[in-house]
C-alpha atoms as a PDB file:
ATOM      1  CA  UNK A   1       0.000   0.000   0.000  1.00  0.00           C
ATOM      2  CA  UNK A   2       1.546   3.306  -1.060  1.00  0.00           C
ATOM      3  CA  UNK A   3       2.025   6.109   1.438  1.00  0.00           C
ATOM      4  CA  UNK A   4      -0.383   9.036   1.305  1.00  0.00           C
ATOM      5  CA  UNK A   5       1.134  11.868  -0.719  1.00  0.00           C
ATOM      6  CA  UNK A   6       0.525  15.414   0.438  1.00  0.00           C
ATOM      7  CA  UNK A   7      -0.468  17.924  -2.226  1.00  0.00           C
ATOM      8  CA  UNK A   8       1.259  21.278  -2.323  1.00  0.00           C
ATOM      9  CA  UNK A   9      -1.347  23.049  -0.159  1.00  0.00           C
ATOM     10  CA  UNK A  10      -1.006  20.316   2.472  1.00  0.00           C
ATOM     11  CA  UNK A  11       2.748  20.824   2.450  1.00  0.00           C
ATOM     12  CA  UNK A  12       2.466  24.596   2.812  1.00  0.00           C
ATOM     13  CA  UNK A  13      -0.101  24.203   5.578  1.00  0.00           C
ATOM     14  CA  UNK A  14       2.070  21.685   7.415  1.00  0.00           C
ATOM     15  CA  UNK A  15       5.100  23.991   7.309  1.00  0.00           C
ATOM     16  CA  UNK A  16       3.064  26.967   8.542  1.00  0.00           C
ATOM     17  CA  UNK A  17       1.500  24.981  11.389  1.00  0.00           C
ATOM     18  CA  UNK A  18       4.968  23.769  12.393  1.00  0.00           C
ATOM     19  CA  UNK A  19       6.138  27.399  12.519  1.00  0.00           C
ATOM     20  CA  UNK A  20       3.111  28.426  14.613  1.00  0.00           C
ATOM     21  CA  UNK A  21       3.866  25.686  17.121  1.00  0.00           C
ATOM     22  CA  UNK A  22       7.545  26.662  17.200  1.00  0.00           C
ATOM     23  CA  UNK A  23       6.499  30.196  18.124  1.00  0.00           C
ATOM     24  CA  UNK A  24       4.269  28.925  20.926  1.00  0.00           C
ATOM     25  CA  UNK A  25       7.045  26.668  22.186  1.00  0.00           C
ATOM     26  CA  UNK A  26       9.991  29.073  21.956  1.00  0.00           C
ATOM     27  CA  UNK A  27       8.504  32.401  23.048  1.00  0.00           C
ATOM     28  CA  UNK A  28       6.834  33.543  26.242  1.00  0.00           C
ATOM     29  CA  UNK A  29       4.586  36.299  24.879  1.00  0.00           C
ATOM     30  CA  UNK A  30       3.836  35.973  21.178  1.00  0.00           C
ATOM     31  CA  UNK A  31       1.108  37.841  19.303  1.00  0.00           C
ATOM     32  CA  UNK A  32      -0.475  37.598  15.866  1.00  0.00           C
ATOM     33  CA  UNK A  33      -0.614  40.909  14.017  1.00  0.00           C
ATOM     34  CA  UNK A  34      -3.980  41.142  12.299  1.00  0.00           C
ATOM     35  CA  UNK A  35      -4.947  43.587   9.546  1.00  0.00           C
ATOM     36  CA  UNK A  36      -8.236  42.173   8.283  1.00  0.00           C
ATOM     37  CA  UNK A  37      -6.568  41.210   5.014  1.00  0.00           C
ATOM     38  CA  UNK A  38      -6.596  37.786   3.360  1.00  0.00           C
ATOM     39  CA  UNK A  39      -3.089  36.864   4.531  1.00  0.00           C
ATOM     40  CA  UNK A  40      -3.690  37.575   8.210  1.00  0.00           C
ATOM     41  CA  UNK A  41      -7.085  35.849   7.930  1.00  0.00           C
ATOM     42  CA  UNK A  42      -5.253  32.802   6.564  1.00  0.00           C
ATOM     43  CA  UNK A  43      -2.888  32.974   9.555  1.00  0.00           C
ATOM     44  CA  UNK A  44      -5.834  32.825  11.940  1.00  0.00           C
ATOM     45  CA  UNK A  45      -7.147  29.726  10.145  1.00  0.00           C
ATOM     46  CA  UNK A  46      -3.708  28.108  10.414  1.00  0.00           C
ATOM     47  CA  UNK A  47      -3.477  28.993  14.112  1.00  0.00           C
ATOM     48  CA  UNK A  48      -6.903  27.473  14.754  1.00  0.00           C
ATOM     49  CA  UNK A  49      -5.725  24.241  13.114  1.00  0.00           C
ATOM     50  CA  UNK A  50      -2.356  24.291  14.882  1.00  0.00           C
ATOM     51  CA  UNK A  51      -3.830  24.442  18.381  1.00  0.00           C
ATOM     52  CA  UNK A  52      -7.258  22.798  18.134  1.00  0.00           C
ATOM     53  CA  UNK A  53      -9.219  21.750  20.079  1.00  0.00           C
ATOM     54  CA  UNK A  54      -7.850  24.560  22.253  1.00  0.00           C
ATOM     55  CA  UNK A  55      -8.110  28.274  21.524  1.00  0.00           C
ATOM     56  CA  UNK A  56      -5.383  30.276  19.835  1.00  0.00           C
ATOM     57  CA  UNK A  57      -2.793  30.753  22.636  1.00  0.00           C
ATOM     58  CA  UNK A  58      -1.869  34.320  21.713  1.00  0.00           C
ATOM     59  CA  UNK A  59      -3.837  37.518  21.062  1.00  0.00           C
ATOM     60  CA  UNK A  60      -4.694  39.106  17.737  1.00  0.00           C
ATOM     61  CA  UNK A  61      -3.187  42.602  17.612  1.00  0.00           C
ATOM     62  CA  UNK A  62      -4.432  45.261  15.224  1.00  0.00           C
ATOM     63  CA  UNK A  63      -2.565  48.540  14.784  1.00  0.00           C
ATOM     64  CA  UNK A  64      -5.435  50.725  13.638  1.00  0.00           C
ATOM     65  CA  UNK A  65      -4.494  53.788  11.581  1.00  0.00           C
ATOM     66  CA  UNK A  66      -8.040  55.113  11.566  1.00  0.00           C
ATOM     67  CA  UNK A  67      -8.031  55.023   7.767  1.00  0.00           C
ATOM     68  CA  UNK A  68      -9.233  51.440   7.362  1.00  0.00           C
ATOM     69  CA  UNK A  69     -11.964  50.139   5.115  1.00  0.00           C
ATOM     70  CA  UNK A  70     -15.122  49.766   7.258  1.00  0.00           C
ATOM     71  CA  UNK A  71     -15.649  46.281   5.797  1.00  0.00           C
ATOM     72  CA  UNK A  72     -12.276  45.143   7.152  1.00  0.00           C
ATOM     73  CA  UNK A  73     -12.970  46.476  10.655  1.00  0.00           C
ATOM     74  CA  UNK A  74     -16.388  44.798  10.762  1.00  0.00           C
ATOM     75  CA  UNK A  75     -14.797  41.519   9.664  1.00  0.00           C
ATOM     76  CA  UNK A  76     -12.048  41.844  12.300  1.00  0.00           C
ATOM     77  CA  UNK A  77     -14.539  42.217  15.142  1.00  0.00           C
ATOM     78  CA  UNK A  78     -16.733  39.382  13.881  1.00  0.00           C
ATOM     79  CA  UNK A  79     -13.779  37.010  13.505  1.00  0.00           C
ATOM     80  CA  UNK A  80     -12.510  37.703  17.028  1.00  0.00           C
ATOM     81  CA  UNK A  81     -15.971  37.024  18.420  1.00  0.00           C
ATOM     82  CA  UNK A  82     -16.473  33.808  16.435  1.00  0.00           C
ATOM     83  CA  UNK A  83     -13.056  32.329  17.260  1.00  0.00           C
ATOM     84  CA  UNK A  84     -12.941  33.478  20.879  1.00  0.00           C
ATOM     85  CA  UNK A  85      -9.506  34.987  20.253  1.00  0.00           C
ATOM     86  CA  UNK A  86      -8.401  37.893  22.407  1.00  0.00           C
ATOM     87  CA  UNK A  87      -8.302  41.079  20.312  1.00  0.00           C
ATOM     88  CA  UNK A  88      -6.001  43.971  21.180  1.00  0.00           C
ATOM     89  CA  UNK A  89      -6.430  47.197  19.208  1.00  0.00           C
ATOM     90  CA  UNK A  90      -4.092  50.161  19.471  1.00  0.00           C
ATOM     91  CA  UNK A  91      -4.620  53.381  17.545  1.00  0.00           C
ATOM     92  CA  UNK A  92      -2.118  55.422  15.549  1.00  0.00           C
ATOM     93  CA  UNK A  93      -4.249  58.481  16.344  1.00  0.00           C
ATOM     94  CA  UNK A  94      -3.426  58.066  20.051  1.00  0.00           C
ATOM     95  CA  UNK A  95       0.285  57.764  19.279  1.00  0.00           C
ATOM     96  CA  UNK A  96       0.208  60.919  17.153  1.00  0.00           C
ATOM     97  CA  UNK A  97      -1.284  62.855  20.069  1.00  0.00           C
ATOM     98  CA  UNK A  98       0.907  61.319  22.767  1.00  0.00           C
ATOM     99  CA  UNK A  99       4.195  61.753  20.890  1.00  0.00           C
ATOM    100  CA  UNK A 100       3.357  64.936  19.001  1.00  0.00           C
ATOM    101  CA  UNK A 101       4.020  63.224  15.679  1.00  0.00           C
ATOM    102  CA  UNK A 102       3.598  65.159  12.467  1.00  0.00           C
ATOM    103  CA  UNK A 103       0.885  63.734  10.248  1.00  0.00           C
ATOM    104  CA  UNK A 104       1.733  63.311   6.560  1.00  0.00           C
ATOM    105  CA  UNK A 105       0.063  65.800   4.240  1.00  0.00           C
ATOM    106  CA  UNK A 106      -0.856  65.747   0.589  1.00  0.00           C
ATOM    107  CA  UNK A 107      -3.479  64.144  -1.571  1.00  0.00           C
ATOM    108  CA  UNK A 108      -3.053  60.628  -0.187  1.00  0.00           C
ATOM    109  CA  UNK A 109      -1.857  61.319   3.344  1.00  0.00           C
ATOM    110  CA  UNK A 110      -1.135  57.797   4.560  1.00  0.00           C
ATOM    111  CA  UNK A 111      -0.393  57.025   8.209  1.00  0.00           C
ATOM    112  CA  UNK A 112       1.326  53.765   7.288  1.00  0.00           C
ATOM    113  CA  UNK A 113       4.806  54.972   8.219  1.00  0.00           C
ATOM    114  CA  UNK A 114       3.501  56.106  11.622  1.00  0.00           C
ATOM    115  CA  UNK A 115       2.244  52.598  12.368  1.00  0.00           C
ATOM    116  CA  UNK A 116       5.784  51.667  13.385  1.00  0.00           C
ATOM    117  CA  UNK A 117       5.615  53.975  16.424  1.00  0.00           C
ATOM    118  CA  UNK A 118       2.340  52.466  17.607  1.00  0.00           C
ATOM    119  CA  UNK A 119       3.541  48.916  16.963  1.00  0.00           C
ATOM    120  CA  UNK A 120       6.760  49.410  18.930  1.00  0.00           C
ATOM    121  CA  UNK A 121       4.825  50.985  21.806  1.00  0.00           C
ATOM    122  CA  UNK A 122       2.402  48.048  21.776  1.00  0.00           C
ATOM    123  CA  UNK A 123       5.245  45.520  21.818  1.00  0.00           C
ATOM    124  CA  UNK A 124       6.723  47.320  24.829  1.00  0.00           C
ATOM    125  CA  UNK A 125       3.343  47.674  26.576  1.00  0.00           C
ATOM    126  CA  UNK A 126       2.606  43.939  26.480  1.00  0.00           C
ATOM    127  CA  UNK A 127       6.174  42.641  26.441  1.00  0.00           C
ATOM    128  CA  UNK A 128       5.670  40.748  23.186  1.00  0.00           C
ATOM    129  CA  UNK A 129       8.791  38.817  22.221  1.00  0.00           C
ATOM    130  CA  UNK A 130       7.436  37.501  18.922  1.00  0.00           C
ATOM    131  CA  UNK A 131       4.953  39.014  16.462  1.00  0.00           C
ATOM    132  CA  UNK A 132       3.461  36.762  13.799  1.00  0.00           C
ATOM    133  CA  UNK A 133       2.600  38.390  10.490  1.00  0.00           C
ATOM    134  CA  UNK A 134       1.278  37.490   7.062  1.00  0.00           C
ATOM    135  CA  UNK A 135       4.079  38.842   4.872  1.00  0.00           C
ATOM    136  CA  UNK A 136       5.062  36.725   1.876  1.00  0.00           C
ATOM    137  CA  UNK A 137       8.343  36.809  -0.037  1.00  0.00           C
ATOM    138  CA  UNK A 138       6.634  37.236  -3.404  1.00  0.00           C
ATOM    139  CA  UNK A 139       4.986  40.514  -2.420  1.00  0.00           C
ATOM    140  CA  UNK A 140       7.868  42.964  -2.504  1.00  0.00           C
ATOM    141  CA  UNK A 141      11.696  43.152  -2.729  1.00  0.00           C
ATOM    142  CA  UNK A 142      12.308  43.958   0.949  1.00  0.00           C
ATOM    143  CA  UNK A 143      10.031  41.151   2.099  1.00  0.00           C
ATOM    144  CA  UNK A 144      11.975  38.726  -0.084  1.00  0.00           C
ATOM    145  CA  UNK A 145      14.997  39.391   2.156  1.00  0.00           C
ATOM    146  CA  UNK A 146      13.195  38.333   5.327  1.00  0.00           C
ATOM    147  CA  UNK A 147      13.855  35.119   7.202  1.00  0.00           C
ATOM    148  CA  UNK A 148      10.887  33.249   8.665  1.00  0.00           C
ATOM    149  CA  UNK A 149      12.201  34.184  12.134  1.00  0.00           C
ATOM    150  CA  UNK A 150      13.300  37.788  11.526  1.00  0.00           C
ATOM    151  CA  UNK A 151      15.139  39.379  14.454  1.00  0.00           C
ATOM    152  CA  UNK A 152      14.571  43.009  15.461  1.00  0.00           C
ATOM    153  CA  UNK A 153      16.965  44.831  17.770  1.00  0.00           C
ATOM    154  CA  UNK A 154      16.058  46.583  21.027  1.00  0.00           C
ATOM    155  CA  UNK A 155      14.930  49.621  19.007  1.00  0.00           C
ATOM    156  CA  UNK A 156      12.638  47.511  16.816  1.00  0.00           C
ATOM    157  CA  UNK A 157      14.909  47.970  13.816  1.00  0.00           C
ATOM    158  CA  UNK A 158      15.557  45.417  11.086  1.00  0.00           C
ATOM    159  CA  UNK A 159      18.977  44.881   9.540  1.00  0.00           C
ATOM    160  CA  UNK A 160      18.780  42.536   6.527  1.00  0.00           C
ATOM    161  CA  UNK A 161      22.533  41.877   6.813  1.00  0.00           C
ATOM    162  CA  UNK A 162      22.243  40.502  10.346  1.00  0.00           C
ATOM    163  CA  UNK A 163      19.617  37.823   9.906  1.00  0.00           C
ATOM    164  CA  UNK A 164      20.239  34.234  10.918  1.00  0.00           C
ATOM    165  CA  UNK A 165      20.592  31.303   8.519  1.00  0.00           C
ATOM    166  CA  UNK A 166      17.631  28.932   8.519  1.00  0.00           C
ATOM    167  CA  UNK A 167      18.604  25.381   7.655  1.00  0.00           C
ATOM    168  CA  UNK A 168      15.887  22.846   6.875  1.00  0.00           C
ATOM    169  CA  UNK A 169      12.987  23.535   9.272  1.00  0.00           C
ATOM    170  CA  UNK A 170      15.097  24.682  12.236  1.00  0.00           C
ATOM    171  CA  UNK A 171      14.243  28.132  13.589  1.00  0.00           C
ATOM    172  CA  UNK A 172      16.375  29.931  16.163  1.00  0.00           C
ATOM    173  CA  UNK A 173      14.233  32.049  18.474  1.00  0.00           C
ATOM    174  CA  UNK A 174      16.931  32.932  21.006  1.00  0.00           C
ATOM    175  CA  UNK A 175      17.009  36.677  21.597  1.00  0.00           C
ATOM    176  CA  UNK A 176      18.514  39.134  24.056  1.00  0.00           C
ATOM    177  CA  UNK A 177      16.376  41.181  26.410  1.00  0.00           C
ATOM    178  CA  UNK A 178      14.631  43.973  24.526  1.00  0.00           C
ATOM    179  CA  UNK A 179      14.853  42.240  21.168  1.00  0.00           C
ATOM    180  CA  UNK A 180      11.886  40.644  19.452  1.00  0.00           C
ATOM    181  CA  UNK A 181      11.260  38.416  16.471  1.00  0.00           C
ATOM    182  CA  UNK A 182       8.856  38.945  13.590  1.00  0.00           C
ATOM    183  CA  UNK A 183       7.637  35.571  12.353  1.00  0.00           C
ATOM    184  CA  UNK A 184       6.274  34.890   8.856  1.00  0.00           C
ATOM    185  CA  UNK A 185       4.593  31.449   8.676  1.00  0.00           C
ATOM    186  CA  UNK A 186       3.360  31.922   5.090  1.00  0.00           C
ATOM    187  CA  UNK A 187       6.599  33.396   3.794  1.00  0.00           C
ATOM    188  CA  UNK A 188       6.934  30.588   1.240  1.00  0.00           C
ATOM    189  CA  UNK A 189       3.391  30.996  -0.095  1.00  0.00           C
ATOM    190  CA  UNK A 190       2.454  33.102  -3.121  1.00  0.00           C
ATOM    191  CA  UNK A 191      -0.766  35.014  -3.733  1.00  0.00           C
ATOM    192  CA  UNK A 192      -2.302  32.169  -5.726  1.00  0.00           C
ATOM    193  CA  UNK A 193      -1.544  29.693  -2.908  1.00  0.00           C
ATOM    194  CA  UNK A 194      -3.435  31.877  -0.464  1.00  0.00           C
ATOM    195  CA  UNK A 195      -6.492  32.056  -2.700  1.00  0.00           C
ATOM    196  CA  UNK A 196      -6.482  28.314  -3.385  1.00  0.00           C
ATOM    197  CA  UNK A 197      -6.175  27.622   0.334  1.00  0.00           C
ATOM    198  CA  UNK A 198      -9.017  30.022   1.136  1.00  0.00           C
ATOM    199  CA  UNK A 199     -11.165  28.198  -1.407  1.00  0.00           C
ATOM    200  CA  UNK A 200     -10.252  24.759  -0.077  1.00  0.00           C
ATOM    201  CA  UNK A 201     -10.872  25.701   3.534  1.00  0.00           C
ATOM    202  CA  UNK A 202     -14.055  27.670   2.843  1.00  0.00           C
ATOM    203  CA  UNK A 203     -12.691  30.762   4.599  1.00  0.00           C
ATOM    204  CA  UNK A 204     -14.888  33.859   4.554  1.00  0.00           C
ATOM    205  CA  UNK A 205     -13.386  37.212   3.567  1.00  0.00           C
ATOM    206  CA  UNK A 206     -14.338  40.896   3.736  1.00  0.00           C
ATOM    207  CA  UNK A 207     -16.643  41.763   0.851  1.00  0.00           C
ATOM    208  CA  UNK A 208     -14.181  44.229  -0.723  1.00  0.00           C
ATOM    209  CA  UNK A 209     -12.122  41.317  -2.063  1.00  0.00           C
ATOM    210  CA  UNK A 210     -14.920  40.559  -4.502  1.00  0.00           C
ATOM    211  CA  UNK A 211     -16.298  42.662  -7.346  1.00  0.00           C
ATOM    212  CA  UNK A 212     -18.626  45.459  -6.290  1.00  0.00           C
ATOM    213  CA  UNK A 213     -19.664  48.933  -7.408  1.00  0.00           C
ATOM    214  CA  UNK A 214     -17.640  51.676  -5.735  1.00  0.00           C
ATOM    215  CA  UNK A 215     -17.069  55.387  -6.254  1.00  0.00           C
ATOM    216  CA  UNK A 216     -13.389  55.875  -7.060  1.00  0.00           C
ATOM    217  CA  UNK A 217     -11.024  58.694  -7.897  1.00  0.00           C
ATOM    218  CA  UNK A 218      -9.040  58.144 -11.089  1.00  0.00           C
ATOM    219  CA  UNK A 219      -5.386  58.902 -10.292  1.00  0.00           C
ATOM    220  CA  UNK A 220      -3.172  57.959 -13.219  1.00  0.00           C
ATOM    221  CA  UNK A 221      -3.443  54.181 -13.454  1.00  0.00           C
ATOM    222  CA  UNK A 222      -4.905  53.897  -9.954  1.00  0.00           C
ATOM    223  CA  UNK A 223      -8.518  53.780  -8.809  1.00  0.00           C
ATOM    224  CA  UNK A 224      -8.678  55.074  -5.224  1.00  0.00           C
ATOM    225  CA  UNK A 225     -11.851  54.836  -3.158  1.00  0.00           C
ATOM    226  CA  UNK A 226     -13.290  58.211  -2.260  1.00  0.00           C
ATOM    227  CA  UNK A 227     -13.217  58.770   1.500  1.00  0.00           C
ATOM    228  CA  UNK A 228     -12.800  61.573   4.060  1.00  0.00           C
ATOM    229  CA  UNK A 229      -9.106  60.627   4.271  1.00  0.00           C
ATOM    230  CA  UNK A 230      -7.997  61.784   0.815  1.00  0.00           C
ATOM    231  CA  UNK A 231      -8.028  65.282  -0.678  1.00  0.00           C
ATOM    232  CA  UNK A 232     -10.513  65.767  -3.486  1.00  0.00           C
ATOM    233  CA  UNK A 233      -9.518  68.545  -5.900  1.00  0.00           C
ATOM    234  CA  UNK A 234     -11.776  70.358  -8.367  1.00  0.00           C
ATOM    235  CA  UNK A 235     -10.253  68.724 -11.421  1.00  0.00           C
ATOM    236  CA  UNK A 236     -10.339  65.193 -10.021  1.00  0.00           C
ATOM    237  CA  UNK A 237     -12.210  62.615 -12.039  1.00  0.00           C
ATOM    238  CA  UNK A 238     -14.584  60.599  -9.853  1.00  0.00           C
ATOM    239  CA  UNK A 239     -16.516  57.700 -11.341  1.00  0.00           C
ATOM    240  CA  UNK A 240     -18.385  54.626 -10.193  1.00  0.00           C
ATOM    241  CA  UNK A 241     -16.760  51.407 -11.377  1.00  0.00           C
ATOM    242  CA  UNK A 242     -17.047  47.690 -10.752  1.00  0.00           C
ATOM    243  CA  UNK A 243     -13.890  46.939  -8.750  1.00  0.00           C
ATOM    244  CA  UNK A 244     -12.317  44.659  -6.174  1.00  0.00           C
ATOM    245  CA  UNK A 245      -9.237  44.826  -3.943  1.00  0.00           C
ATOM    246  CA  UNK A 246      -6.253  42.499  -4.217  1.00  0.00           C
ATOM    247  CA  UNK A 247      -4.856  43.656  -0.891  1.00  0.00           C
ATOM    248  CA  UNK A 248      -6.432  45.437   2.061  1.00  0.00           C
ATOM    249  CA  UNK A 249      -4.560  48.420   3.454  1.00  0.00           C
ATOM    250  CA  UNK A 250      -5.544  51.981   4.297  1.00  0.00           C
ATOM    251  CA  UNK A 251      -8.114  53.757   2.151  1.00  0.00           C
ATOM    252  CA  UNK A 252      -5.495  56.476   1.585  1.00  0.00           C
ATOM    253  CA  UNK A 253      -2.969  54.281  -0.176  1.00  0.00           C
ATOM    254  CA  UNK A 254      -4.704  51.141  -1.473  1.00  0.00           C
ATOM    255  CA  UNK A 255      -6.042  51.204  -5.015  1.00  0.00           C
ATOM    256  CA  UNK A 256      -8.733  48.964  -6.442  1.00  0.00           C
ATOM    257  CA  UNK A 257      -8.583  47.037  -9.699  1.00  0.00           C
ATOM    258  CA  UNK A 258     -11.378  46.909 -12.243  1.00  0.00           C
ATOM    259  CA  UNK A 259     -12.903  43.474 -12.028  1.00  0.00           C
ATOM    260  CA  UNK A 260     -16.037  41.427 -12.500  1.00  0.00           C
ATOM    261  CA  UNK A 261     -14.679  38.588 -10.335  1.00  0.00           C
ATOM    262  CA  UNK A 262     -17.435  37.802  -7.883  1.00  0.00           C
ATOM    263  CA  UNK A 263     -16.102  34.472  -6.600  1.00  0.00           C
ATOM    264  CA  UNK A 264     -12.778  32.797  -5.860  1.00  0.00           C
ATOM    265  CA  UNK A 265     -12.612  30.861  -9.144  1.00  0.00           C
ATOM    266  CA  UNK A 266     -12.915  34.123 -11.074  1.00  0.00           C
ATOM    267  CA  UNK A 267     -10.239  35.741  -8.886  1.00  0.00           C
ATOM    268  CA  UNK A 268      -7.843  32.823  -9.436  1.00  0.00           C
ATOM    269  CA  UNK A 269      -8.383  33.170 -13.189  1.00  0.00           C
ATOM    270  CA  UNK A 270      -7.545  36.893 -13.001  1.00  0.00           C
ATOM    271  CA  UNK A 271      -4.396  36.304 -10.955  1.00  0.00           C
ATOM    272  CA  UNK A 272      -3.194  33.714 -13.472  1.00  0.00           C
ATOM    273  CA  UNK A 273      -3.327  36.392 -16.173  1.00  0.00           C
ATOM    274  CA  UNK A 274      -1.487  39.166 -14.312  1.00  0.00           C
ATOM    275  CA  UNK A 275       2.273  39.574 -14.040  1.00  0.00           C
ATOM    276  CA  UNK A 276       2.182  42.278 -11.345  1.00  0.00           C
ATOM    277  CA  UNK A 277       2.142  41.508  -7.623  1.00  0.00           C
ATOM    278  CA  UNK A 278      -0.812  42.779  -5.620  1.00  0.00           C
ATOM    279  CA  UNK A 279       1.306  45.371  -3.790  1.00  0.00           C
ATOM    280  CA  UNK A 280       3.003  46.424  -7.028  1.00  0.00           C
ATOM    281  CA  UNK A 281      -0.357  47.072  -8.658  1.00  0.00           C
ATOM    282  CA  UNK A 282      -2.356  48.571  -5.804  1.00  0.00           C
ATOM    283  CA  UNK A 283      -0.206  49.976  -2.979  1.00  0.00           C
ATOM    284  CA  UNK A 284       0.543  53.637  -3.673  1.00  0.00           C
ATOM    285  CA  UNK A 285       2.772  54.024  -0.586  1.00  0.00           C
ATOM    286  CA  UNK A 286       5.167  51.323  -1.849  1.00  0.00           C
ATOM    287  CA  UNK A 287       5.806  53.349  -5.002  1.00  0.00           C
ATOM    288  CA  UNK A 288       7.298  56.414  -3.315  1.00  0.00           C
ATOM    289  CA  UNK A 289      10.741  54.954  -4.033  1.00  0.00           C
ATOM    290  CA  UNK A 290      12.264  51.569  -4.831  1.00  0.00           C
ATOM    291  CA  UNK A 291      13.363  51.239  -1.195  1.00  0.00           C
ATOM    292  CA  UNK A 292      10.158  52.567   0.408  1.00  0.00           C
ATOM    293  CA  UNK A 293       9.193  49.327   2.133  1.00  0.00           C
ATOM    294  CA  UNK A 294      12.747  48.503   3.203  1.00  0.00           C
ATOM    295  CA  UNK A 295      13.188  51.959   4.745  1.00  0.00           C
ATOM    296  CA  UNK A 296       9.965  51.547   6.742  1.00  0.00           C
ATOM    297  CA  UNK A 297      10.964  48.073   7.905  1.00  0.00           C
ATOM    298  CA  UNK A 298      14.321  49.339   9.150  1.00  0.00           C
ATOM    299  CA  UNK A 299      12.432  51.852  11.294  1.00  0.00           C
ATOM    300  CA  UNK A 300      10.221  49.232  12.915  1.00  0.00           C
ATOM    301  CA  UNK A 301       7.407  48.798  10.398  1.00  0.00           C
ATOM    302  CA  UNK A 302       6.251  45.200  10.103  1.00  0.00           C
END
């Protein structure tokens, strides 16, 4: 009788669950950073599988910029209630007031860079020594440099030249006091893997991932949802289009794509035809410079 052969999704799932359990075993106070996006939603599903029949043994932490899509916030609250996971929310707005930070200005005034301050304060407040996140190596150049266990120094800074080798499935979580580790269990997944896994597992998602009618501002090649958080000028072109979102970030810096994909099969078909990553196509803040993401990561951004 031949041995059961795992398919590729089983293999990815197994690796991610192993990483989740390594985090629980090696660290005293881990947390799962949750954005309401498909990748962090997938992490929650993996954590539920890793620790069932028990509850997830670490809290979900959301660093809320105040510029989120309402659909993502509603989903976040519903998911926490349904899973029984502890939800910790900390607000960038509070950090701006407490530290006297200068808010970005301009047409698309994103608070993304300021998230690092709130995240580092939250890590210090709760003494988190490991923060699990949904970054994938295929998303962006800086994220491709990350290890699965990515060490941050006592100032929360990331140095890509000082990361540890990871041989086979061995992960070194030893850190000095004040340091912490960012952990990426789905680092080896690609966007299509995530969607196929979501389909297989029957995971629900915020409605903005699927085609819907939305009022958008046409900005070059980008379609940006109208909201109180962006500046509308007299000559701006605002139209209603059938769109969906490939990634969920702030309303100030996340563009939609025109789409009629109303289900996962349609989305998978679209992804198979595109040669641009979801962040490359839709995240305006990543296009400030070629090193925009890497610069933010070095300053403590996830």
